[in-house]
Every structure is written in C-alpha cells, then in structure tokens.
C-alpha cells in the first residue's frame, strides 16, 4: 500500500480516504496523505456523476422515441426542461446523443407553390 501511495498519485489517495473514512475522520486522513479536503469531496462528486448521467440518458432516449427521432439536441434540451423541469447544457445533450448514436431524422421540406396573381391598377399617370 505504501508503494501505491508513492506512485499512484492523488486518485489512489482519494480511494484510501474513501475506504478509511469510517475509522478516521476525513480531515485527519487528508492531512496525513497531504491532500486537500475540498479535492477529496470533488472526487466524491465525480463518483456520483455517472448515476446522474444515466438518468439523463434515459430521459433523452424517452423524448427521442416519443418524438419518433425527429428532434435534434436543441429541441430535446427544450423538451427536457418542459417535461422533466431539468435544465441541461446543450453541449451535454449533444454529447450524450452522439455517444448513444441518436440522430435527428432530417425531413424533407415541402415547398408550397402558389401562383400569385398581381393586379395592377393603373390610376391616373402611373
């Protein structure tokens, strides 16, 4: 374990603090391992991140299927806020959609051609 401490870097130290925090206080462990407490708690936050991302992935897939694949990342982001009251950065939505292979179907635009008849009324000296 001592050799891991010397060569493993901060990530290994954070794992040690996590394993021993039931026996010793986090403050004591961080002081002994010479790492900051705030750094340890950032590590803990990052460990919880994948759980939040999985929930977001499910919500994005649900909206994508609900809209039959016609929504892109911008409209899905707006729909996340509407349906789930969840504000998410558009870059995160785009990244998750790319990872999962979700692409919006590009629909062909229909052009409506209408004949405009112009009636020019000549009045006076026009």
C-alpha atoms as a PDB file:
ATOM      1  CA  UNK A   1       0.000   0.000   0.000  1.00  0.00           C
ATOM      2  CA  UNK A   2       2.892   2.354   0.712  1.00  0.00           C
ATOM      3  CA  UNK A   3       4.313   1.857  -2.772  1.00  0.00           C
ATOM      4  CA  UNK A   4       0.918   2.730  -4.265  1.00  0.00           C
ATOM      5  CA  UNK A   5       0.873   5.917  -2.226  1.00  0.00           C
ATOM      6  CA  UNK A   6       4.200   6.998  -3.595  1.00  0.00           C
ATOM      7  CA  UNK A   7       3.486   6.217  -7.243  1.00  0.00           C
ATOM      8  CA  UNK A   8      -0.319   6.231  -7.519  1.00  0.00           C
ATOM      9  CA  UNK A   9      -0.951   9.919  -7.257  1.00  0.00           C
ATOM     10  CA  UNK A  10      -3.930  11.746  -5.915  1.00  0.00           C
ATOM     11  CA  UNK A  11      -6.568   9.306  -7.233  1.00  0.00           C
ATOM     12  CA  UNK A  12      -5.212   6.471  -5.095  1.00  0.00           C
ATOM     13  CA  UNK A  13      -5.085   8.746  -2.056  1.00  0.00           C
ATOM     14  CA  UNK A  14      -8.727   9.672  -2.571  1.00  0.00           C
ATOM     15  CA  UNK A  15      -9.637   5.974  -2.698  1.00  0.00           C
ATOM     16  CA  UNK A  16      -7.750   5.385   0.543  1.00  0.00           C
ATOM     17  CA  UNK A  17      -9.615   8.217   2.260  1.00  0.00           C
ATOM     18  CA  UNK A  18     -12.886   6.749   0.986  1.00  0.00           C
ATOM     19  CA  UNK A  19     -12.020   3.315   2.358  1.00  0.00           C
ATOM     20  CA  UNK A  20     -10.853   4.535   5.774  1.00  0.00           C
ATOM     21  CA  UNK A  21     -13.330   7.325   6.439  1.00  0.00           C
ATOM     22  CA  UNK A  22     -15.446   5.091   8.691  1.00  0.00           C
ATOM     23  CA  UNK A  23     -12.472   4.571  11.012  1.00  0.00           C
ATOM     24  CA  UNK A  24     -10.821   8.003  10.885  1.00  0.00           C
ATOM     25  CA  UNK A  25     -12.088  11.482  10.139  1.00  0.00           C
ATOM     26  CA  UNK A  26     -11.744  12.781   6.599  1.00  0.00           C
ATOM     27  CA  UNK A  27      -9.836  15.797   7.878  1.00  0.00           C
ATOM     28  CA  UNK A  28      -7.184  13.632   9.591  1.00  0.00           C
ATOM     29  CA  UNK A  29      -6.784  11.343   6.574  1.00  0.00           C
ATOM     30  CA  UNK A  30      -6.418  14.261   4.180  1.00  0.00           C
ATOM     31  CA  UNK A  31      -3.835  15.914   6.404  1.00  0.00           C
ATOM     32  CA  UNK A  32      -1.868  12.639   6.702  1.00  0.00           C
ATOM     33  CA  UNK A  33      -1.974  11.976   2.939  1.00  0.00           C
ATOM     34  CA  UNK A  34      -1.258  15.637   2.171  1.00  0.00           C
ATOM     35  CA  UNK A  35      -4.294  16.229   0.002  1.00  0.00           C
ATOM     36  CA  UNK A  36      -6.950  18.905   0.323  1.00  0.00           C
ATOM     37  CA  UNK A  37     -10.340  18.100   1.775  1.00  0.00           C
ATOM     38  CA  UNK A  38     -12.068  20.054  -0.983  1.00  0.00           C
ATOM     39  CA  UNK A  39     -10.221  17.934  -3.547  1.00  0.00           C
ATOM     40  CA  UNK A  40     -11.469  14.778  -1.858  1.00  0.00           C
ATOM     41  CA  UNK A  41     -15.056  15.999  -1.861  1.00  0.00           C
ATOM     42  CA  UNK A  42     -14.765  16.937  -5.565  1.00  0.00           C
ATOM     43  CA  UNK A  43     -13.653  13.329  -6.146  1.00  0.00           C
ATOM     44  CA  UNK A  44     -16.754  12.094  -4.309  1.00  0.00           C
ATOM     45  CA  UNK A  45     -18.958  14.344  -6.501  1.00  0.00           C
ATOM     46  CA  UNK A  46     -17.344  12.973  -9.663  1.00  0.00           C
ATOM     47  CA  UNK A  47     -18.049   9.424  -8.495  1.00  0.00           C
ATOM     48  CA  UNK A  48     -21.768  10.245  -8.266  1.00  0.00           C
ATOM     49  CA  UNK A  49     -21.843  11.877 -11.720  1.00  0.00           C
ATOM     50  CA  UNK A  50     -22.370   8.661 -13.781  1.00  0.00           C
ATOM     51  CA  UNK A  51     -25.595   7.918 -11.878  1.00  0.00           C
ATOM     52  CA  UNK A  52     -26.993  11.317 -12.815  1.00  0.00           C
ATOM     53  CA  UNK A  53     -25.887  10.896 -16.422  1.00  0.00           C
ATOM     54  CA  UNK A  54     -27.646   7.514 -16.686  1.00  0.00           C
ATOM     55  CA  UNK A  55     -30.917   9.097 -15.602  1.00  0.00           C
ATOM     56  CA  UNK A  56     -30.431  11.895 -18.116  1.00  0.00           C
ATOM     57  CA  UNK A  57     -29.650   9.371 -20.877  1.00  0.00           C
ATOM     58  CA  UNK A  58     -32.914   7.571 -20.147  1.00  0.00           C
ATOM     59  CA  UNK A  59     -34.862  10.834 -20.315  1.00  0.00           C
ATOM     60  CA  UNK A  60     -33.190  11.832 -23.594  1.00  0.00           C
ATOM     61  CA  UNK A  61     -33.928   8.431 -25.150  1.00  0.00           C
ATOM     62  CA  UNK A  62     -37.526   8.655 -23.929  1.00  0.00           C
ATOM     63  CA  UNK A  63     -38.031  12.058 -25.607  1.00  0.00           C
ATOM     64  CA  UNK A  64     -36.235  10.863 -28.758  1.00  0.00           C
ATOM     65  CA  UNK A  65     -38.551   7.847 -29.092  1.00  0.00           C
ATOM     66  CA  UNK A  66     -41.603   9.866 -28.115  1.00  0.00           C
ATOM     67  CA  UNK A  67     -40.922  12.277 -30.988  1.00  0.00           C
ATOM     68  CA  UNK A  68     -40.061   9.436 -33.393  1.00  0.00           C
ATOM     69  CA  UNK A  69     -36.468  10.564 -33.846  1.00  0.00           C
ATOM     70  CA  UNK A  70     -37.303  13.903 -35.394  1.00  0.00           C
ATOM     71  CA  UNK A  71     -35.921  16.056 -32.566  1.00  0.00           C
ATOM     72  CA  UNK A  72     -32.305  17.182 -32.518  1.00  0.00           C
ATOM     73  CA  UNK A  73     -30.305  18.164 -29.470  1.00  0.00           C
ATOM     74  CA  UNK A  74     -31.702  21.711 -29.271  1.00  0.00           C
ATOM     75  CA  UNK A  75     -35.323  20.635 -29.236  1.00  0.00           C
ATOM     76  CA  UNK A  76     -34.559  17.747 -26.868  1.00  0.00           C
ATOM     77  CA  UNK A  77     -32.902  20.204 -24.491  1.00  0.00           C
ATOM     78  CA  UNK A  78     -36.035  22.372 -24.539  1.00  0.00           C
ATOM     79  CA  UNK A  79     -38.237  19.293 -24.064  1.00  0.00           C
ATOM     80  CA  UNK A  80     -36.155  18.183 -21.050  1.00  0.00           C
ATOM     81  CA  UNK A  81     -36.949  21.491 -19.433  1.00  0.00           C
ATOM     82  CA  UNK A  82     -40.639  21.272 -20.366  1.00  0.00           C
ATOM     83  CA  UNK A  83     -41.314  17.653 -19.411  1.00  0.00           C
ATOM     84  CA  UNK A  84     -38.873  16.992 -16.588  1.00  0.00           C
ATOM     85  CA  UNK A  85     -38.155  20.552 -15.401  1.00  0.00           C
ATOM     86  CA  UNK A  86     -34.478  19.779 -15.910  1.00  0.00           C
ATOM     87  CA  UNK A  87     -32.075  22.437 -17.157  1.00  0.00           C
ATOM     88  CA  UNK A  88     -29.170  20.862 -19.028  1.00  0.00           C
ATOM     89  CA  UNK A  89     -26.476  22.449 -21.159  1.00  0.00           C
ATOM     90  CA  UNK A  90     -26.979  21.845 -24.885  1.00  0.00           C
ATOM     91  CA  UNK A  91     -23.401  20.558 -25.193  1.00  0.00           C
ATOM     92  CA  UNK A  92     -24.113  17.806 -22.677  1.00  0.00           C
ATOM     93  CA  UNK A  93     -27.273  16.782 -24.525  1.00  0.00           C
ATOM     94  CA  UNK A  94     -25.330  16.729 -27.805  1.00  0.00           C
ATOM     95  CA  UNK A  95     -22.512  14.651 -26.254  1.00  0.00           C
ATOM     96  CA  UNK A  96     -24.929  12.077 -24.822  1.00  0.00           C
ATOM     97  CA  UNK A  97     -26.837  11.830 -28.110  1.00  0.00           C
ATOM     98  CA  UNK A  98     -23.595  11.236 -30.017  1.00  0.00           C
ATOM     99  CA  UNK A  99     -22.475   8.570 -27.528  1.00  0.00           C
ATOM    100  CA  UNK A 100     -25.798   6.751 -27.870  1.00  0.00           C
ATOM    101  CA  UNK A 101     -25.962   7.180 -31.652  1.00  0.00           C
ATOM    102  CA  UNK A 102     -29.156   9.238 -31.611  1.00  0.00           C
ATOM    103  CA  UNK A 103     -29.521  11.447 -34.659  1.00  0.00           C
ATOM    104  CA  UNK A 104     -32.460  13.518 -35.763  1.00  0.00           C
ATOM    105  CA  UNK A 105     -34.137  12.416 -38.961  1.00  0.00           C
ATOM    106  CA  UNK A 106     -33.896  15.209 -41.465  1.00  0.00           C
ATOM    107  CA  UNK A 107     -37.293  15.583 -43.016  1.00  0.00           C
ATOM    108  CA  UNK A 108     -37.727  16.908 -46.492  1.00  0.00           C
ATOM    109  CA  UNK A 109     -39.135  20.388 -46.563  1.00  0.00           C
ATOM    110  CA  UNK A 110     -42.233  20.847 -48.619  1.00  0.00           C
ATOM    111  CA  UNK A 111     -42.434  23.939 -50.731  1.00  0.00           C
ATOM    112  CA  UNK A 112     -45.883  25.192 -51.425  1.00  0.00           C
ATOM    113  CA  UNK A 113     -46.003  26.888 -54.746  1.00  0.00           C
ATOM    114  CA  UNK A 114     -48.850  29.272 -55.089  1.00  0.00           C
ATOM    115  CA  UNK A 115     -49.435  31.443 -58.050  1.00  0.00           C
ATOM    116  CA  UNK A 116     -49.642  34.981 -57.081  1.00  0.00           C
ATOM    117  CA  UNK A 117     -51.665  37.000 -59.418  1.00  0.00           C
ATOM    118  CA  UNK A 118     -50.874  40.620 -59.275  1.00  0.00           C
ATOM    119  CA  UNK A 119     -53.412  43.059 -60.376  1.00  0.00           C
ATOM    120  CA  UNK A 120     -52.009  46.386 -61.160  1.00  0.00           C
ATOM    121  CA  UNK A 121     -54.486  49.078 -61.359  1.00  0.00           C
ATOM    122  CA  UNK A 122     -53.344  51.927 -63.427  1.00  0.00           C
ATOM    123  CA  UNK A 123     -54.680  55.031 -61.984  1.00  0.00           C
ATOM    124  CA  UNK A 124     -54.023  58.350 -63.471  1.00  0.00           C
ATOM    125  CA  UNK A 125     -50.455  58.804 -64.630  1.00  0.00           C
ATOM    126  CA  UNK A 126     -48.849  55.746 -63.064  1.00  0.00           C
END
